[in-house]
Amino acid sequence: MNVPFSNAHLGAICWDSREQPARPSSHPVFYHIVILLVPGFSQLSLSSFVDPLRVANSVSERTFFRWVVSSSEGGPVESASGISVTAHKTFASVAKDLRSGDRPAMILVCAGDTVKGQASASLIKLLRLSRRYRIPIAALGTATWLLAQNGILNDDTACTIHWEKLTALSETFGRLQVIDSLFVRDRDVVTCAGELASFDLAMELISDHCGVESASAVCRHTTAGQWRVGSDRQWSTGAQYTSLSKKVAEVIRLMEQHVEDTLSLYDIAKCVGLSRRQIERLFERYVSCSPMRYYARLRLERAKRLIEQTNMPFLEIAVACGFVSSSHFSKCFREIFGKTPSDWRS
């Protein structure tokens, strides 16, 4: 369930624009964000969120947004691409500010692919303190995993994460409602797929806080045609086939939705209004393999991600990916990837 992401700090916005108070041009309040960087963070996620805010300030000729970067120890923090960003505050100093009443409008966590085990004691302490003070928290990309792992996301919280880790997050934290969306707002937590989806999240914040006209000006400046809504899906394998064959894309979407409870080709044909032979001809023409072979590869790719990203037993992975037994799963996995699941994990 997506609900307005409101906040009372510094007189900042409600995320539901219908609830926004009037904003006279002389209003001195700005939206203050504290950014928490984890080593190996995604530079793309960070820049895609922060730079639109900078441009919004510029085109509006007024400081709507301010931000400060913090890290566990302060100083340079190296991103996954090797570019370092200087953190001017430590997590401990931010925590001290919160206790003294100097509280931002948002705490934003930015992490990278190696998010597991990256949460320092000071980061966990700061996140829990932010929850205690009801400060909205946003997570970019795999930072969602940090929130789930450390109890920041409550039971049944709707959330998202980068598509590569959607299945692993759902299987590891079964109490969460994991959604394939660009970003999800649930009460005072926003989770975002990261990377270029961070731009879309920033644009919604700009639109709500500065108005649609300013947001459109930011899009023009960044040469972006428009921004996407949070409920849009991140990415689908079938999307690349949409321009070639909408029916192929529709079949692949069905396969993606039925990885554990697999469908027969007959069932798929009924759902899309084609015969089995028609589907086979379309796949031979556009995908260069049979539909059921493609389906098996899709399920095995998901199984491979679960092997890499979780500690799930192989039998559980087999069941989650629609295989009737671990031996059958192991045989199919080896045929595609050249190794058994246990060899792949080791």
Protein backbone atom coordinates (compact mmCIF):
# COMPACT_ATOMS: atom_id res chain seq x y z
CA MET A 1 0.00 0.00 0.00
CA ASN A 2 1.48 3.32 -1.06
CA VAL A 3 0.58 6.21 1.19
CA PRO A 4 1.63 9.87 1.29
CA PHE A 5 5.14 10.26 2.64
CA SER A 6 4.56 13.23 4.91
CA ASN A 7 6.96 14.92 7.23
CA ALA A 8 6.79 17.79 9.64
CA HIS A 9 10.49 18.60 9.83
CA LEU A 10 11.51 22.11 8.79
CA GLY A 11 8.05 22.73 7.41
CA ALA A 12 8.85 20.46 4.48
CA ILE A 13 6.44 19.02 1.99
CA CYS A 14 3.90 16.25 2.12
CA TRP A 15 4.44 13.82 -0.76
CA ASP A 16 0.77 14.05 -1.61
CA SER A 17 0.63 17.37 -3.45
CA ARG A 18 -3.02 17.86 -2.50
CA GLU A 19 -1.94 18.28 1.11
CA GLN A 20 0.78 20.83 0.44
CA PRO A 21 0.49 24.21 2.09
CA ALA A 22 0.81 27.34 -0.01
CA ARG A 23 4.46 28.25 -0.71
CA PRO A 24 4.98 31.99 -0.98
CA SER A 25 8.15 32.92 -2.87
CA SER A 26 9.65 34.51 0.23
CA HIS A 27 9.27 31.32 2.28
CA PRO A 28 12.70 30.59 3.82
CA VAL A 29 12.23 26.87 4.47
CA PHE A 30 14.27 24.35 2.50
CA TYR A 31 14.19 20.57 2.31
CA HIS A 32 17.22 19.24 4.17
CA ILE A 33 18.54 15.76 3.34
CA VAL A 34 21.28 13.84 5.15
CA ILE A 35 22.89 11.30 2.81
CA LEU A 36 24.42 8.19 4.37
CA LEU A 37 27.06 6.62 2.13
CA VAL A 38 28.21 3.01 2.41
CA PRO A 39 31.58 2.04 0.85
CA GLY A 40 31.11 0.74 -2.67
CA PHE A 41 27.94 2.81 -3.15
CA SER A 42 26.50 3.35 -6.62
CA GLN A 43 27.72 6.66 -8.02
CA LEU A 44 24.94 6.52 -10.60
CA SER A 45 22.26 6.20 -7.91
CA LEU A 46 23.70 9.08 -5.90
CA SER A 47 24.19 11.46 -8.82
CA SER A 48 20.81 10.62 -10.36
CA PHE A 49 19.15 11.73 -7.13
CA VAL A 50 21.30 14.71 -6.07
CA ASP A 51 21.98 16.44 -9.39
CA PRO A 52 18.29 17.03 -10.22
CA LEU A 53 17.93 18.74 -6.82
CA ARG A 54 20.90 20.97 -7.64
CA VAL A 55 19.35 21.86 -10.99
CA ALA A 56 16.00 22.54 -9.30
CA ASN A 57 17.68 25.10 -7.05
CA SER A 58 19.33 26.68 -10.08
CA VAL A 59 16.27 26.95 -12.34
CA SER A 60 14.14 28.18 -9.43
CA GLU A 61 16.78 30.74 -8.42
CA ARG A 62 16.12 29.72 -4.86
CA THR A 63 17.48 27.08 -2.47
CA PHE A 64 14.69 24.56 -2.20
CA PHE A 65 17.00 21.67 -1.30
CA ARG A 66 20.11 21.27 0.80
CA TRP A 67 22.02 18.12 1.56
CA VAL A 68 25.03 16.94 3.50
CA VAL A 69 26.99 13.74 2.92
CA SER A 70 27.97 11.55 5.85
CA SER A 71 29.76 8.24 6.33
CA SER A 72 30.95 5.99 9.12
CA GLU A 73 34.32 7.74 9.53
CA GLY A 74 33.87 10.89 7.43
CA GLY A 75 36.29 11.87 4.66
CA PRO A 76 36.50 10.22 1.23
CA VAL A 77 34.16 7.32 0.49
CA GLU A 78 34.95 5.28 -2.61
CA SER A 79 32.10 4.31 -4.91
CA ALA A 80 31.84 1.07 -6.88
CA SER A 81 33.23 2.91 -9.91
CA GLY A 82 36.31 4.04 -7.99
CA ILE A 83 35.23 7.69 -7.71
CA SER A 84 35.39 9.06 -4.17
CA VAL A 85 32.93 11.45 -2.58
CA THR A 86 33.89 13.43 0.51
CA ALA A 87 31.68 12.97 3.55
CA HIS A 88 31.69 16.08 5.74
CA LYS A 89 30.00 14.42 8.71
CA THR A 90 30.22 11.08 10.48
CA PHE A 91 27.22 8.94 11.36
CA ALA A 92 27.98 9.63 15.03
CA SER A 93 27.87 13.41 14.51
CA VAL A 94 24.57 13.13 12.63
CA ALA A 95 23.15 11.10 15.53
CA LYS A 96 24.29 13.83 17.91
CA ASP A 97 22.48 16.42 15.76
CA LEU A 98 19.27 14.40 15.90
CA ARG A 99 19.38 14.20 19.67
CA SER A 100 19.94 17.95 19.92
CA GLY A 101 16.86 18.64 17.79
CA ASP A 102 18.64 19.40 14.50
CA ARG A 103 16.70 16.93 12.37
CA PRO A 104 16.57 16.73 8.58
CA ALA A 105 13.54 16.28 6.38
CA MET A 106 14.92 12.98 5.14
CA ILE A 107 17.64 10.43 5.81
CA LEU A 108 18.81 8.91 2.51
CA VAL A 109 20.88 5.71 2.42
CA CYS A 110 22.94 4.93 -0.69
CA ALA A 111 24.68 1.56 -0.99
CA GLY A 112 26.13 -0.69 -3.69
CA ASP A 113 26.07 -4.29 -4.86
CA THR A 114 28.09 -5.57 -1.89
CA VAL A 115 25.48 -4.38 0.59
CA LYS A 116 25.49 -7.51 2.75
CA GLY A 117 27.66 -7.04 5.80
CA GLN A 118 28.23 -3.36 5.01
CA ALA A 119 26.12 -1.99 7.86
CA SER A 120 28.43 -0.61 10.54
CA ALA A 121 27.27 -0.37 14.14
CA SER A 122 27.12 3.42 13.84
CA LEU A 123 24.94 3.20 10.72
CA ILE A 124 22.47 0.81 12.35
CA LYS A 125 22.34 2.99 15.45
CA LEU A 126 21.67 6.10 13.35
CA LEU A 127 18.91 4.43 11.33
CA ARG A 128 17.15 3.21 14.47
CA LEU A 129 17.49 6.65 16.03
CA SER A 130 15.93 8.16 12.90
CA ARG A 131 13.00 5.78 13.23
CA ARG A 132 12.57 6.74 16.87
CA TYR A 133 12.31 10.41 15.89
CA ARG A 134 10.00 9.50 12.97
CA ILE A 135 12.34 11.00 10.40
CA PRO A 136 11.49 9.71 6.91
CA ILE A 137 14.08 7.28 5.56
CA ALA A 138 14.78 6.64 1.87
CA ALA A 139 16.88 3.78 0.50
CA LEU A 140 18.44 3.81 -2.95
CA GLY A 141 18.99 0.47 -4.68
CA THR A 142 20.34 -2.30 -2.51
CA ALA A 143 20.19 -0.09 0.60
CA THR A 144 16.72 -1.60 0.99
CA TRP A 145 18.51 -4.79 2.05
CA LEU A 146 20.24 -2.90 4.87
CA LEU A 147 16.89 -1.63 6.14
CA ALA A 148 15.34 -5.10 6.02
CA GLN A 149 18.34 -6.80 7.60
CA ASN A 150 18.40 -4.43 10.55
CA GLY A 151 14.70 -4.25 11.40
CA ILE A 152 14.04 -0.80 9.92
CA LEU A 153 11.32 -2.21 7.65
CA ASN A 154 8.34 -3.45 9.66
CA ASP A 155 6.35 -6.58 8.90
CA ASP A 156 4.24 -6.25 5.74
CA THR A 157 6.06 -3.08 4.67
CA ALA A 158 5.72 -2.56 0.92
CA CYS A 159 9.15 -2.02 -0.61
CA THR A 160 11.31 -2.45 -3.67
CA ILE A 161 14.97 -3.02 -4.51
CA HIS A 162 17.03 -3.27 -7.70
CA TRP A 163 15.47 -5.92 -9.94
CA GLU A 164 18.49 -8.23 -9.67
CA LYS A 165 17.79 -8.65 -5.96
CA LEU A 166 13.98 -8.62 -5.96
CA THR A 167 13.65 -12.40 -5.69
CA ALA A 168 16.42 -12.73 -3.11
CA LEU A 169 14.87 -10.01 -0.94
CA SER A 170 11.44 -11.61 -1.14
CA GLU A 171 12.73 -15.09 -0.30
CA THR A 172 15.03 -13.89 2.51
CA PHE A 173 12.54 -11.52 4.16
CA GLY A 174 9.21 -13.20 3.54
CA ARG A 175 7.36 -10.80 5.87
CA LEU A 176 7.89 -7.90 3.44
CA GLN A 177 5.71 -7.01 0.46
CA VAL A 178 8.36 -6.86 -2.24
CA ILE A 179 7.12 -5.03 -5.34
CA ASP A 180 8.70 -4.69 -8.78
CA SER A 181 8.43 -0.89 -8.99
CA LEU A 182 10.75 2.06 -9.52
CA PHE A 183 10.06 3.29 -6.01
CA VAL A 184 7.57 2.58 -3.25
CA ARG A 185 6.37 4.80 -0.42
CA ASP A 186 4.96 3.06 2.63
CA ARG A 187 4.33 5.33 5.60
CA ASP A 188 7.60 7.08 6.43
CA VAL A 189 9.90 4.84 4.39
CA VAL A 190 10.69 5.18 0.69
CA THR A 191 12.56 2.42 -1.11
CA CYS A 192 13.88 2.95 -4.62
CA ALA A 193 15.35 0.59 -7.20
CA GLY A 194 18.31 2.93 -7.50
CA GLU A 195 20.42 3.67 -10.59
CA LEU A 196 18.29 5.76 -13.01
CA ALA A 197 15.16 5.19 -10.90
CA SER A 198 16.79 7.58 -8.41
CA PHE A 199 16.20 10.33 -10.97
CA ASP A 200 12.48 9.55 -11.05
CA LEU A 201 12.29 9.66 -7.25
CA ALA A 202 14.08 13.02 -7.20
CA MET A 203 11.75 14.38 -9.88
CA GLU A 204 8.67 13.47 -7.85
CA LEU A 205 10.17 15.24 -4.85
CA ILE A 206 10.90 18.31 -7.00
CA SER A 207 7.43 18.26 -8.52
CA ASP A 208 5.78 18.10 -5.10
CA HIS A 209 8.03 20.65 -3.44
CA CYS A 210 8.70 23.13 -6.25
CA GLY A 211 5.82 22.53 -8.62
CA VAL A 212 5.41 20.82 -11.99
CA GLU A 213 6.78 23.81 -13.90
CA SER A 214 10.11 23.66 -12.07
CA ALA A 215 10.23 19.88 -12.48
CA SER A 216 9.68 20.27 -16.23
CA ALA A 217 12.50 22.82 -16.35
CA VAL A 218 14.79 20.30 -14.64
CA CYS A 219 13.84 17.70 -17.26
CA ARG A 220 14.66 20.12 -20.07
CA HIS A 221 18.02 20.95 -18.51
CA THR A 222 18.96 17.28 -18.08
CA THR A 223 17.64 16.45 -21.59
CA ALA A 224 15.20 13.97 -20.07
CA GLY A 225 11.93 13.80 -21.96
CA GLN A 226 9.94 13.08 -18.81
CA TRP A 227 10.10 11.22 -15.53
CA ARG A 228 8.41 7.94 -14.70
CA VAL A 229 5.90 7.27 -11.95
CA GLY A 230 6.95 5.13 -9.02
CA SER A 231 4.57 2.29 -9.85
CA ASP A 232 6.22 1.62 -13.23
CA ARG A 233 8.01 -1.72 -13.44
CA GLN A 234 11.79 -1.55 -13.41
CA TRP A 235 12.61 -3.83 -16.29
CA SER A 236 11.26 -6.90 -17.99
CA THR A 237 13.08 -9.35 -20.21
CA GLY A 238 10.09 -9.26 -22.50
CA ALA A 239 10.26 -5.49 -22.91
CA GLN A 240 13.05 -5.78 -25.50
CA TYR A 241 10.69 -7.76 -27.73
CA THR A 242 7.73 -5.38 -27.50
CA SER A 243 8.62 -3.50 -30.69
CA LEU A 244 9.09 -6.79 -32.56
CA SER A 245 6.18 -8.82 -31.22
CA LYS A 246 3.77 -7.75 -28.50
CA LYS A 247 2.62 -11.34 -28.14
CA VAL A 248 6.15 -12.57 -27.43
CA ALA A 249 6.54 -9.85 -24.81
CA GLU A 250 3.18 -10.86 -23.29
CA VAL A 251 4.22 -14.52 -23.11
CA ILE A 252 7.52 -13.64 -21.43
CA ARG A 253 5.74 -11.45 -18.87
CA LEU A 254 3.53 -14.43 -18.01
CA MET A 255 6.59 -16.63 -17.59
CA GLU A 256 8.20 -14.06 -15.28
CA GLN A 257 5.04 -13.98 -13.16
CA HIS A 258 4.90 -17.78 -12.87
CA VAL A 259 8.38 -18.93 -11.95
CA GLU A 260 7.39 -21.07 -8.95
CA ASP A 261 3.92 -22.09 -10.15
CA THR A 262 4.97 -22.87 -13.70
CA LEU A 263 2.53 -22.85 -16.59
CA SER A 264 2.31 -25.36 -19.42
CA LEU A 265 2.54 -24.12 -22.99
CA TYR A 266 -1.15 -24.95 -23.31
CA ASP A 267 -1.97 -22.68 -20.34
CA ILE A 268 0.18 -19.88 -21.74
CA ALA A 269 -1.49 -20.19 -25.13
CA LYS A 270 -4.95 -19.88 -23.56
CA CYS A 271 -3.88 -16.77 -21.61
CA VAL A 272 -2.54 -14.91 -24.66
CA GLY A 273 -5.15 -16.09 -27.15
CA LEU A 274 -2.82 -18.02 -29.45
CA SER A 275 -2.26 -21.66 -30.31
CA ARG A 276 0.79 -23.51 -29.04
CA ARG A 277 2.11 -23.75 -32.59
CA GLN A 278 1.75 -19.98 -33.10
CA ILE A 279 3.77 -19.30 -29.94
CA GLU A 280 6.46 -21.75 -31.04
CA ARG A 281 6.75 -20.04 -34.43
CA LEU A 282 6.95 -16.57 -32.84
CA PHE A 283 9.69 -17.68 -30.45
CA GLU A 284 11.64 -19.36 -33.23
CA ARG A 285 11.45 -16.16 -35.27
CA TYR A 286 12.18 -13.55 -32.59
CA VAL A 287 13.95 -15.39 -29.75
CA SER A 288 15.70 -18.17 -31.69
CA CYS A 289 14.68 -20.91 -29.27
CA SER A 290 11.57 -22.78 -28.19
CA PRO A 291 9.25 -21.10 -25.66
CA MET A 292 9.72 -23.81 -23.01
CA ARG A 293 13.50 -23.72 -23.36
CA TYR A 294 13.35 -19.96 -22.86
CA TYR A 295 11.08 -20.50 -19.83
CA ALA A 296 13.54 -22.97 -18.30
CA ARG A 297 16.46 -20.58 -18.85
CA LEU A 298 14.51 -17.75 -17.22
CA ARG A 299 13.85 -19.91 -14.14
CA LEU A 300 17.47 -21.04 -13.97
CA GLU A 301 18.73 -17.46 -14.18
CA ARG A 302 16.55 -16.63 -11.19
CA ALA A 303 17.86 -19.69 -9.37
CA LYS A 304 21.43 -18.57 -10.07
CA ARG A 305 20.73 -15.18 -8.47
CA LEU A 306 19.30 -16.90 -5.39
CA ILE A 307 22.40 -19.09 -5.13
CA GLU A 308 24.65 -16.04 -5.37
CA GLN A 309 22.66 -13.68 -3.14
CA THR A 310 21.16 -15.90 -0.42
CA ASN A 311 21.99 -18.86 1.80
CA MET A 312 18.81 -20.71 0.87
CA PRO A 313 19.10 -24.52 0.71
CA PHE A 314 19.20 -25.83 -2.85
CA LEU A 315 15.92 -27.70 -2.43
CA GLU A 316 14.16 -24.47 -1.46
CA ILE A 317 15.69 -22.70 -4.45
CA ALA A 318 14.57 -25.54 -6.71
CA VAL A 319 10.98 -25.28 -5.44
CA ALA A 320 11.00 -21.46 -5.65
CA CYS A 321 12.01 -21.72 -9.30
CA GLY A 322 9.51 -24.37 -10.32
CA PHE A 323 11.60 -27.56 -10.27
CA VAL A 324 10.09 -30.77 -8.91
CA SER A 325 13.26 -32.05 -7.22
CA SER A 326 16.75 -30.91 -6.31
CA SER A 327 18.28 -33.59 -8.57
CA HIS A 328 16.30 -32.39 -11.59
CA PHE A 329 17.22 -28.80 -10.74
CA SER A 330 20.91 -29.68 -10.41
CA LYS A 331 20.90 -31.50 -13.76
CA CYS A 332 19.24 -28.58 -15.59
CA PHE A 333 21.50 -26.04 -13.88
CA ARG A 334 24.64 -27.89 -14.94
CA GLU A 335 23.44 -28.17 -18.54
CA ILE A 336 23.11 -24.38 -18.77
CA PHE A 337 25.93 -23.06 -16.58
CA GLY A 338 28.45 -25.91 -16.70
CA LYS A 339 28.52 -26.36 -12.91
CA THR A 340 26.26 -27.84 -10.27
CA PRO A 341 24.49 -25.42 -7.88
CA SER A 342 26.86 -26.39 -5.04
CA ASP A 343 29.94 -25.78 -7.21
CA TRP A 344 28.51 -22.43 -8.31
CA ARG A 345 27.97 -21.29 -4.72
CA SER A 346 31.44 -22.36 -3.62
